Amino acid sequence: GVTVRPAVSVVYGARFRVGGGAWQDVDGTVTIPGPAQ
């Protein structure tokens, strides 16, 4: 008898390179909350 609002947040890991050089890991993550339904 209730309406709930589930959602998912995604945690991204990343790597980067500058000017086409070697890939390096990014220390830390980025968390993005998703919309509830």
PDB file of all heavy atoms in Angstrom:
ATOM      1  N   GLY A   1       0.796  -1.222   0.000  1.00  0.00           N
ATOM      2  CA  GLY A   1       0.000   0.000   0.000  1.00  0.00           C
ATOM      3  C   GLY A   1       0.827   1.269   0.000  1.00  0.00           C
ATOM      4  O   GLY A   1       0.353   2.312   0.432  1.00  0.00           O
ATOM      5  N   VAL A   2       2.058   1.169  -0.478  1.00  0.00           N
ATOM      6  CA  VAL A   2       2.927   2.343  -0.528  1.00  0.00           C
ATOM      7  C   VAL A   2       3.500   2.482  -1.942  1.00  0.00           C
ATOM      8  O   VAL A   2       3.548   1.523  -2.703  1.00  0.00           O
ATOM      9  CB  VAL A   2       4.091   2.256   0.485  1.00  0.00           C
ATOM     10  CG1 VAL A   2       3.565   2.216   1.905  1.00  0.00           C
ATOM     11  CG2 VAL A   2       4.969   1.047   0.222  1.00  0.00           C
ATOM     12  N   THR A   3       3.934   3.677  -2.251  1.00  0.00           N
ATOM     13  CA  THR A   3       4.690   3.913  -3.476  1.00  0.00           C
ATOM     14  C   THR A   3       6.099   4.290  -3.051  1.00  0.00           C
ATOM     15  O   THR A   3       6.291   5.206  -2.255  1.00  0.00           O
ATOM     16  CB  THR A   3       4.061   5.034  -4.323  1.00  0.00           C
ATOM     17  OG1 THR A   3       2.750   4.621  -4.717  1.00  0.00           O
ATOM     18  CG2 THR A   3       4.891   5.314  -5.565  1.00  0.00           C
ATOM     19  N   VAL A   4       7.078   3.540  -3.556  1.00  0.00           N
ATOM     20  CA  VAL A   4       8.481   3.806  -3.246  1.00  0.00           C
ATOM     21  C   VAL A   4       9.139   4.405  -4.480  1.00  0.00           C
ATOM     22  O   VAL A   4       8.584   4.382  -5.573  1.00  0.00           O
ATOM     23  CB  VAL A   4       9.199   2.504  -2.801  1.00  0.00           C
ATOM     24  CG1 VAL A   4       8.644   2.012  -1.473  1.00  0.00           C
ATOM     25  CG2 VAL A   4       9.089   1.420  -3.857  1.00  0.00           C
ATOM     26  N   ARG A   5      10.332   4.963  -4.300  1.00  0.00           N
ATOM     27  CA  ARG A   5      11.038   5.621  -5.403  1.00  0.00           C
ATOM     28  C   ARG A   5      12.459   5.066  -5.501  1.00  0.00           C
ATOM     29  O   ARG A   5      13.405   5.687  -5.043  1.00  0.00           O
ATOM     30  CB  ARG A   5      11.025   7.115  -5.192  1.00  0.00           C
ATOM     31  CG  ARG A   5       9.579   7.631  -5.113  1.00  0.00           C
ATOM     32  CD  ARG A   5       9.278   9.006  -5.554  1.00  0.00           C
ATOM     33  NE  ARG A   5      10.061   9.633  -6.545  1.00  0.00           N
ATOM     34  CZ  ARG A   5       9.793   9.643  -7.857  1.00  0.00           C
ATOM     35  NH1 ARG A   5       8.757   8.993  -8.325  1.00  0.00           N
ATOM     36  NH2 ARG A   5      10.550  10.305  -8.695  1.00  0.00           N
ATOM     37  N   PRO A   6      12.621   3.861  -6.103  1.00  0.00           N
ATOM     38  CA  PRO A   6      13.965   3.296  -6.241  1.00  0.00           C
ATOM     39  C   PRO A   6      14.815   4.075  -7.245  1.00  0.00           C
ATOM     40  O   PRO A   6      14.289   4.713  -8.152  1.00  0.00           O
ATOM     41  CB  PRO A   6      13.697   1.872  -6.730  1.00  0.00           C
ATOM     42  CG  PRO A   6      12.355   1.929  -7.376  1.00  0.00           C
ATOM     43  CD  PRO A   6      11.583   2.994  -6.644  1.00  0.00           C
ATOM     44  N   ALA A   7      16.128   3.972  -7.048  1.00  0.00           N
ATOM     45  CA  ALA A   7      17.091   4.641  -7.925  1.00  0.00           C
ATOM     46  C   ALA A   7      18.427   3.917  -7.826  1.00  0.00           C
ATOM     47  O   ALA A   7      18.641   3.111  -6.917  1.00  0.00           O
ATOM     48  CB  ALA A   7      17.258   6.104  -7.524  1.00  0.00           C
ATOM     49  N   VAL A   8      19.314   4.215  -8.742  1.00  0.00           N
ATOM     50  CA  VAL A   8      20.675   3.680  -8.688  1.00  0.00           C
ATOM     51  C   VAL A   8      21.658   4.820  -8.930  1.00  0.00           C
ATOM     52  O   VAL A   8      21.461   5.647  -9.822  1.00  0.00           O
ATOM     53  CB  VAL A   8      20.890   2.525  -9.704  1.00  0.00           C
ATOM     54  CG1 VAL A   8      20.713   2.988 -11.135  1.00  0.00           C
ATOM     55  CG2 VAL A   8      22.242   1.857  -9.492  1.00  0.00           C
ATOM     56  N   SER A   9      22.692   4.855  -8.098  1.00  0.00           N
ATOM     57  CA  SER A   9      23.805   5.775  -8.320  1.00  0.00           C
ATOM     58  C   SER A   9      24.946   4.956  -8.907  1.00  0.00           C
ATOM     59  O   SER A   9      25.172   3.812  -8.500  1.00  0.00           O
ATOM     60  CB  SER A   9      24.268   6.412  -7.006  1.00  0.00           C
ATOM     61  OG  SER A   9      23.273   7.258  -6.495  1.00  0.00           O
ATOM     62  N   VAL A  10      25.643   5.525  -9.870  1.00  0.00           N
ATOM     63  CA  VAL A  10      26.756   4.820 -10.497  1.00  0.00           C
ATOM     64  C   VAL A  10      28.062   5.477 -10.073  1.00  0.00           C
ATOM     65  O   VAL A  10      28.161   6.696  -9.992  1.00  0.00           O
ATOM     66  CB  VAL A  10      26.614   4.781 -12.041  1.00  0.00           C
ATOM     67  CG1 VAL A  10      26.572   6.172 -12.626  1.00  0.00           C
ATOM     68  CG2 VAL A  10      27.727   3.966 -12.681  1.00  0.00           C
ATOM     69  N   VAL A  11      29.040   4.633  -9.767  1.00  0.00           N
ATOM     70  CA  VAL A  11      30.374   5.101  -9.401  1.00  0.00           C
ATOM     71  C   VAL A  11      31.293   4.807 -10.585  1.00  0.00           C
ATOM     72  O   VAL A  11      31.413   3.660 -11.014  1.00  0.00           O
ATOM     73  CB  VAL A  11      30.887   4.401  -8.130  1.00  0.00           C
ATOM     74  CG1 VAL A  11      32.288   4.896  -7.778  1.00  0.00           C
ATOM     75  CG2 VAL A  11      29.915   4.602  -6.971  1.00  0.00           C
ATOM     76  N   TYR A  12      31.882   5.857 -11.118  1.00  0.00           N
ATOM     77  CA  TYR A  12      32.780   5.726 -12.263  1.00  0.00           C
ATOM     78  C   TYR A  12      34.236   5.754 -11.805  1.00  0.00           C
ATOM     79  O   TYR A  12      34.613   6.600 -10.986  1.00  0.00           O
ATOM     80  CB  TYR A  12      32.597   6.892 -13.234  1.00  0.00           C
ATOM     81  CG  TYR A  12      31.325   6.892 -14.035  1.00  0.00           C
ATOM     82  CD1 TYR A  12      30.190   7.567 -13.585  1.00  0.00           C
ATOM     83  CD2 TYR A  12      31.260   6.249 -15.266  1.00  0.00           C
ATOM     84  CE1 TYR A  12      29.020   7.594 -14.339  1.00  0.00           C
ATOM     85  CE2 TYR A  12      30.099   6.271 -16.029  1.00  0.00           C
ATOM     86  CZ  TYR A  12      28.982   6.943 -15.557  1.00  0.00           C
ATOM     87  OH  TYR A  12      27.838   6.967 -16.310  1.00  0.00           O
ATOM     88  N   GLY A  13      35.026   4.866 -12.365  1.00  0.00           N
ATOM     89  CA  GLY A  13      36.475   4.960 -12.288  1.00  0.00           C
ATOM     90  C   GLY A  13      36.936   5.504 -13.633  1.00  0.00           C
ATOM     91  O   GLY A  13      36.207   5.426 -14.626  1.00  0.00           O
ATOM     92  N   ALA A  14      38.132   6.058 -13.699  1.00  0.00           N
ATOM     93  CA  ALA A  14      38.558   6.663 -14.963  1.00  0.00           C
ATOM     94  C   ALA A  14      40.065   6.552 -15.154  1.00  0.00           C
ATOM     95  O   ALA A  14      40.819   6.343 -14.206  1.00  0.00           O
ATOM     96  CB  ALA A  14      38.128   8.124 -15.015  1.00  0.00           C
ATOM     97  N   ARG A  15      40.432   6.718 -16.416  1.00  0.00           N
ATOM     98  CA  ARG A  15      41.837   6.863 -16.784  1.00  0.00           C
ATOM     99  C   ARG A  15      41.910   7.991 -17.799  1.00  0.00           C
ATOM    100  O   ARG A  15      40.911   8.352 -18.425  1.00  0.00           O
ATOM    101  CB  ARG A  15      42.422   5.566 -17.315  1.00  0.00           C
ATOM    102  CG  ARG A  15      41.859   5.114 -18.635  1.00  0.00           C
ATOM    103  CD  ARG A  15      42.444   3.781 -19.057  1.00  0.00           C
ATOM    104  NE  ARG A  15      42.118   3.495 -20.450  1.00  0.00           N
ATOM    105  CZ  ARG A  15      42.830   2.747 -21.239  1.00  0.00           C
ATOM    106  NH1 ARG A  15      43.943   2.187 -20.799  1.00  0.00           N
ATOM    107  NH2 ARG A  15      42.471   2.530 -22.494  1.00  0.00           N
ATOM    108  N   PHE A  16      43.125   8.545 -17.951  1.00  0.00           N
ATOM    109  CA  PHE A  16      43.271   9.690 -18.853  1.00  0.00           C
ATOM    110  C   PHE A  16      44.638   9.664 -19.533  1.00  0.00           C
ATOM    111  O   PHE A  16      45.557   8.974 -19.098  1.00  0.00           O
ATOM    112  CB  PHE A  16      43.084  11.006 -18.087  1.00  0.00           C
ATOM    113  CG  PHE A  16      44.250  11.369 -17.202  1.00  0.00           C
ATOM    114  CD1 PHE A  16      45.215  12.278 -17.630  1.00  0.00           C
ATOM    115  CD2 PHE A  16      44.381  10.813 -15.939  1.00  0.00           C
ATOM    116  CE1 PHE A  16      46.286  12.617 -16.807  1.00  0.00           C
ATOM    117  CE2 PHE A  16      45.442  11.136 -15.117  1.00  0.00           C
ATOM    118  CZ  PHE A  16      46.396  12.040 -15.552  1.00  0.00           C
ATOM    119  N   ARG A  17      44.710  10.452 -20.602  1.00  0.00           N
ATOM    120  CA  ARG A  17      45.998  10.697 -21.237  1.00  0.00           C
ATOM    121  C   ARG A  17      45.999  12.112 -21.790  1.00  0.00           C
ATOM    122  O   ARG A  17      44.961  12.659 -22.158  1.00  0.00           O
ATOM    123  CB  ARG A  17      46.320   9.664 -22.307  1.00  0.00           C
ATOM    124  CG  ARG A  17      45.450   9.678 -23.516  1.00  0.00           C
ATOM    125  CD  ARG A  17      45.859   8.566 -24.456  1.00  0.00           C
ATOM    126  NE  ARG A  17      44.979   8.481 -25.606  1.00  0.00           N
ATOM    127  CZ  ARG A  17      45.137   7.618 -26.573  1.00  0.00           C
ATOM    128  NH1 ARG A  17      46.156   6.770 -26.544  1.00  0.00           N
ATOM    129  NH2 ARG A  17      44.314   7.593 -27.586  1.00  0.00           N
ATOM    130  N   VAL A  18      47.194  12.675 -21.842  1.00  0.00           N
ATOM    131  CA  VAL A  18      47.380  14.053 -22.302  1.00  0.00           C
ATOM    132  C   VAL A  18      48.093  14.015 -23.644  1.00  0.00           C
ATOM    133  O   VAL A  18      49.147  13.383 -23.776  1.00  0.00           O
ATOM    134  CB  VAL A  18      48.195  14.871 -21.274  1.00  0.00           C
ATOM    135  CG1 VAL A  18      48.400  16.299 -21.763  1.00  0.00           C
ATOM    136  CG2 VAL A  18      47.518  14.855 -19.915  1.00  0.00           C
ATOM    137  N   GLY A  19      47.491  14.681 -24.637  1.00  0.00           N
ATOM    138  CA  GLY A  19      48.126  14.790 -25.943  1.00  0.00           C
ATOM    139  C   GLY A  19      48.459  13.460 -26.599  1.00  0.00           C
ATOM    140  O   GLY A  19      49.490  13.348 -27.255  1.00  0.00           O
ATOM    141  N   GLY A  20      47.630  12.435 -26.393  1.00  0.00           N
ATOM    142  CA  GLY A  20      47.865  11.131 -27.005  1.00  0.00           C
ATOM    143  C   GLY A  20      48.954  10.324 -26.341  1.00  0.00           C
ATOM    144  O   GLY A  20      49.399   9.310 -26.883  1.00  0.00           O
ATOM    145  N   GLY A  21      49.404  10.737 -25.150  1.00  0.00           N
ATOM    146  CA  GLY A  21      50.464  10.023 -24.427  1.00  0.00           C
ATOM    147  C   GLY A  21      49.963   8.748 -23.764  1.00  0.00           C
ATOM    148  O   GLY A  21      48.905   8.211 -24.107  1.00  0.00           O
ATOM    149  N   ALA A  22      50.704   8.282 -22.786  1.00  0.00           N
ATOM    150  CA  ALA A  22      50.383   7.049 -22.071  1.00  0.00           C
ATOM    151  C   ALA A  22      49.172   7.256 -21.154  1.00  0.00           C
ATOM    152  O   ALA A  22      48.979   8.342 -20.602  1.00  0.00           O
ATOM    153  CB  ALA A  22      51.582   6.591 -21.247  1.00  0.00           C
ATOM    154  N   TRP A  23      48.378   6.202 -21.011  1.00  0.00           N
ATOM    155  CA  TRP A  23      47.212   6.252 -20.124  1.00  0.00           C
ATOM    156  C   TRP A  23      47.659   6.218 -18.675  1.00  0.00           C
ATOM    157  O   TRP A  23      48.596   5.502 -18.317  1.00  0.00           O
ATOM    158  CB  TRP A  23      46.281   5.077 -20.395  1.00  0.00           C
ATOM    159  CG  TRP A  23      45.543   5.203 -21.691  1.00  0.00           C
ATOM    160  CD1 TRP A  23      45.844   4.576 -22.876  1.00  0.00           C
ATOM    161  CD2 TRP A  23      44.388   6.000 -21.951  1.00  0.00           C
ATOM    162  NE1 TRP A  23      44.952   4.946 -23.849  1.00  0.00           N
ATOM    163  CE2 TRP A  23      44.037   5.822 -23.311  1.00  0.00           C
ATOM    164  CE3 TRP A  23      43.609   6.856 -21.179  1.00  0.00           C
ATOM    165  CZ2 TRP A  23      42.954   6.454 -23.897  1.00  0.00           C
ATOM    166  CZ3 TRP A  23      42.532   7.483 -21.758  1.00  0.00           C
ATOM    167  CH2 TRP A  23      42.205   7.290 -23.105  1.00  0.00           C
ATOM    168  N   GLN A  24      46.973   7.007 -17.847  1.00  0.00           N
ATOM    169  CA  GLN A  24      47.205   7.041 -16.400  1.00  0.00           C
ATOM    170  C   GLN A  24      45.872   6.877 -15.694  1.00  0.00           C
ATOM    171  O   GLN A  24      44.853   7.394 -16.163  1.00  0.00           O
ATOM    172  CB  GLN A  24      47.810   8.375 -15.982  1.00  0.00           C
ATOM    173  CG  GLN A  24      49.121   8.731 -16.634  1.00  0.00           C
ATOM    174  CD  GLN A  24      49.563  10.124 -16.190  1.00  0.00           C
ATOM    175  OE1 GLN A  24      49.694  10.382 -15.000  1.00  0.00           O
ATOM    176  NE2 GLN A  24      49.768  11.011 -17.143  1.00  0.00           N
ATOM    177  N   ASP A  25      45.879   6.178 -14.569  1.00  0.00           N
ATOM    178  CA  ASP A  25      44.651   6.035 -13.782  1.00  0.00           C
ATOM    179  C   ASP A  25      44.366   7.309 -12.999  1.00  0.00           C
ATOM    180  O   ASP A  25      45.283   7.972 -12.514  1.00  0.00           O
ATOM    181  CB  ASP A  25      44.766   4.863 -12.796  1.00  0.00           C
ATOM    182  CG  ASP A  25      44.749   3.514 -13.494  1.00  0.00           C
ATOM    183  OD1 ASP A  25      44.148   3.413 -14.589  1.00  0.00           O
ATOM    184  OD2 ASP A  25      45.323   2.550 -12.954  1.00  0.00           O
ATOM    185  N   VAL A  26      43.084   7.631 -12.899  1.00  0.00           N
ATOM    186  CA  VAL A  26      42.637   8.740 -12.046  1.00  0.00           C
ATOM    187  C   VAL A  26      42.474   8.177 -10.642  1.00  0.00           C
ATOM    188  O   VAL A  26      41.819   7.153 -10.454  1.00  0.00           O
ATOM    189  CB  VAL A  26      41.290   9.321 -12.555  1.00  0.00           C
ATOM    190  CG1 VAL A  26      40.738  10.329 -11.572  1.00  0.00           C
ATOM    191  CG2 VAL A  26      41.470   9.937 -13.927  1.00  0.00           C
ATOM    192  N   ASP A  27      43.097   8.832  -9.668  1.00  0.00           N
ATOM    193  CA  ASP A  27      42.922   8.412  -8.282  1.00  0.00           C
ATOM    194  C   ASP A  27      41.586   8.946  -7.789  1.00  0.00           C
ATOM    195  O   ASP A  27      41.340  10.145  -7.847  1.00  0.00           O
ATOM    196  CB  ASP A  27      44.050   8.966  -7.402  1.00  0.00           C
ATOM    197  CG  ASP A  27      45.416   8.426  -7.817  1.00  0.00           C
ATOM    198  OD1 ASP A  27      45.475   7.263  -8.248  1.00  0.00           O
ATOM    199  OD2 ASP A  27      46.395   9.171  -7.705  1.00  0.00           O
ATOM    200  N   GLY A  28      40.721   8.063  -7.334  1.00  0.00           N
ATOM    201  CA  GLY A  28      39.409   8.480  -6.856  1.00  0.00           C
ATOM    202  C   GLY A  28      38.334   8.140  -7.874  1.00  0.00           C
ATOM    203  O   GLY A  28      38.609   7.628  -8.969  1.00  0.00           O
ATOM    204  N   THR A  29      37.104   8.409  -7.504  1.00  0.00           N
ATOM    205  CA  THR A  29      35.952   8.067  -8.341  1.00  0.00           C
ATOM    206  C   THR A  29      34.992   9.246  -8.420  1.00  0.00           C
ATOM    207  O   THR A  29      35.094  10.199  -7.653  1.00  0.00           O
ATOM    208  CB  THR A  29      35.207   6.853  -7.766  1.00  0.00           C
ATOM    209  OG1 THR A  29      34.777   7.159  -6.436  1.00  0.00           O
ATOM    210  CG2 THR A  29      36.084   5.606  -7.748  1.00  0.00           C
ATOM    211  N   VAL A  30      34.061   9.124  -9.345  1.00  0.00           N
ATOM    212  CA  VAL A  30      32.992  10.117  -9.499  1.00  0.00           C
ATOM    213  C   VAL A  30      31.677   9.369  -9.337  1.00  0.00           C
ATOM    214  O   VAL A  30      31.424   8.395 -10.055  1.00  0.00           O
ATOM    215  CB  VAL A  30      33.047  10.802 -10.876  1.00  0.00           C
ATOM    216  CG1 VAL A  30      31.888  11.779 -11.042  1.00  0.00           C
ATOM    217  CG2 VAL A  30      34.385  11.495 -11.080  1.00  0.00           C
ATOM    218  N   THR A  31      30.845   9.805  -8.392  1.00  0.00           N
ATOM    219  CA  THR A  31      29.551   9.168  -8.146  1.00  0.00           C
ATOM    220  C   THR A  31      28.444  10.058  -8.692  1.00  0.00           C
ATOM    221  O   THR A  31      28.380  11.242  -8.365  1.00  0.00           O
ATOM    222  CB  THR A  31      29.328   8.917  -6.643  1.00  0.00           C
ATOM    223  OG1 THR A  31      30.380   8.076  -6.159  1.00  0.00           O
ATOM    224  CG2 THR A  31      27.987   8.248  -6.386  1.00  0.00           C
ATOM    225  N   ILE A  32      27.580   9.465  -9.517  1.00  0.00           N
ATOM    226  CA  ILE A  32      26.483  10.210 -10.134  1.00  0.00           C
ATOM    227  C   ILE A  32      25.157   9.554  -9.734  1.00  0.00           C
ATOM    228  O   ILE A  32      24.905   8.396 -10.088  1.00  0.00           O
ATOM    229  CB  ILE A  32      26.612  10.217 -11.681  1.00  0.00           C
ATOM    230  CG1 ILE A  32      27.971  10.759 -12.120  1.00  0.00           C
ATOM    231  CG2 ILE A  32      25.451  10.989 -12.302  1.00  0.00           C
ATOM    232  CD1 ILE A  32      28.222  12.222 -11.777  1.00  0.00           C
ATOM    233  N   PRO A  33      24.315  10.276  -9.002  1.00  0.00           N
ATOM    234  CA  PRO A  33      23.010   9.710  -8.638  1.00  0.00           C
ATOM    235  C   PRO A  33      22.078   9.679  -9.840  1.00  0.00           C
ATOM    236  O   PRO A  33      22.072  10.592 -10.662  1.00  0.00           O
ATOM    237  CB  PRO A  33      22.494  10.657  -7.557  1.00  0.00           C
ATOM    238  CG  PRO A  33      23.253  11.923  -7.742  1.00  0.00           C
ATOM    239  CD  PRO A  33      24.543  11.582  -8.424  1.00  0.00           C
ATOM    240  N   GLY A  34      21.311   8.605  -9.940  1.00  0.00           N
ATOM    241  CA  GLY A  34      20.338   8.475 -11.021  1.00  0.00           C
ATOM    242  C   GLY A  34      18.959   8.920 -10.571  1.00  0.00           C
ATOM    243  O   GLY A  34      18.687   9.034  -9.375  1.00  0.00           O
ATOM    244  N   PRO A  35      18.075   9.155 -11.523  1.00  0.00           N
ATOM    245  CA  PRO A  35      16.721   9.591 -11.191  1.00  0.00           C
ATOM    246  C   PRO A  35      15.908   8.446 -10.577  1.00  0.00           C
ATOM    247  O   PRO A  35      16.057   7.289 -10.967  1.00  0.00           O
ATOM    248  CB  PRO A  35      16.145  10.013 -12.545  1.00  0.00           C
ATOM    249  CG  PRO A  35      16.921   9.219 -13.548  1.00  0.00           C
ATOM    250  CD  PRO A  35      18.294   9.051 -12.963  1.00  0.00           C
ATOM    251  N   ALA A  36      15.063   8.797  -9.630  1.00  0.00           N
ATOM    252  CA  ALA A  36      14.182   7.812  -9.002  1.00  0.00           C
ATOM    253  C   ALA A  36      12.937   7.619  -9.863  1.00  0.00           C
ATOM    254  O   ALA A  36      12.550   8.510 -10.624  1.00  0.00           O
ATOM    255  CB  ALA A  36      13.792   8.276  -7.604  1.00  0.00           C
ATOM    256  N   GLN A  37      12.335   6.465  -9.747  1.00  0.00           N
ATOM    257  CA  GLN A  37      11.079   6.213 -10.454  1.00  0.00           C
ATOM    258  C   GLN A  37      10.071   5.651  -9.473  1.00  0.00           C
ATOM    259  O   GLN A  37      10.434   4.987  -8.504  1.00  0.00           O
ATOM    260  CB  GLN A  37      11.282   5.277 -11.633  1.00  0.00           C
ATOM    261  CG  GLN A  37      11.477   3.808 -11.268  1.00  0.00           C
ATOM    262  CD  GLN A  37      11.415   2.929 -12.500  1.00  0.00           C
ATOM    263  OE1 GLN A  37      11.997   3.238 -13.509  1.00  0.00           O
ATOM    264  NE2 GLN A  37      10.727   1.827 -12.399  1.00  0.00           N
TER     265      GLN A  37
END
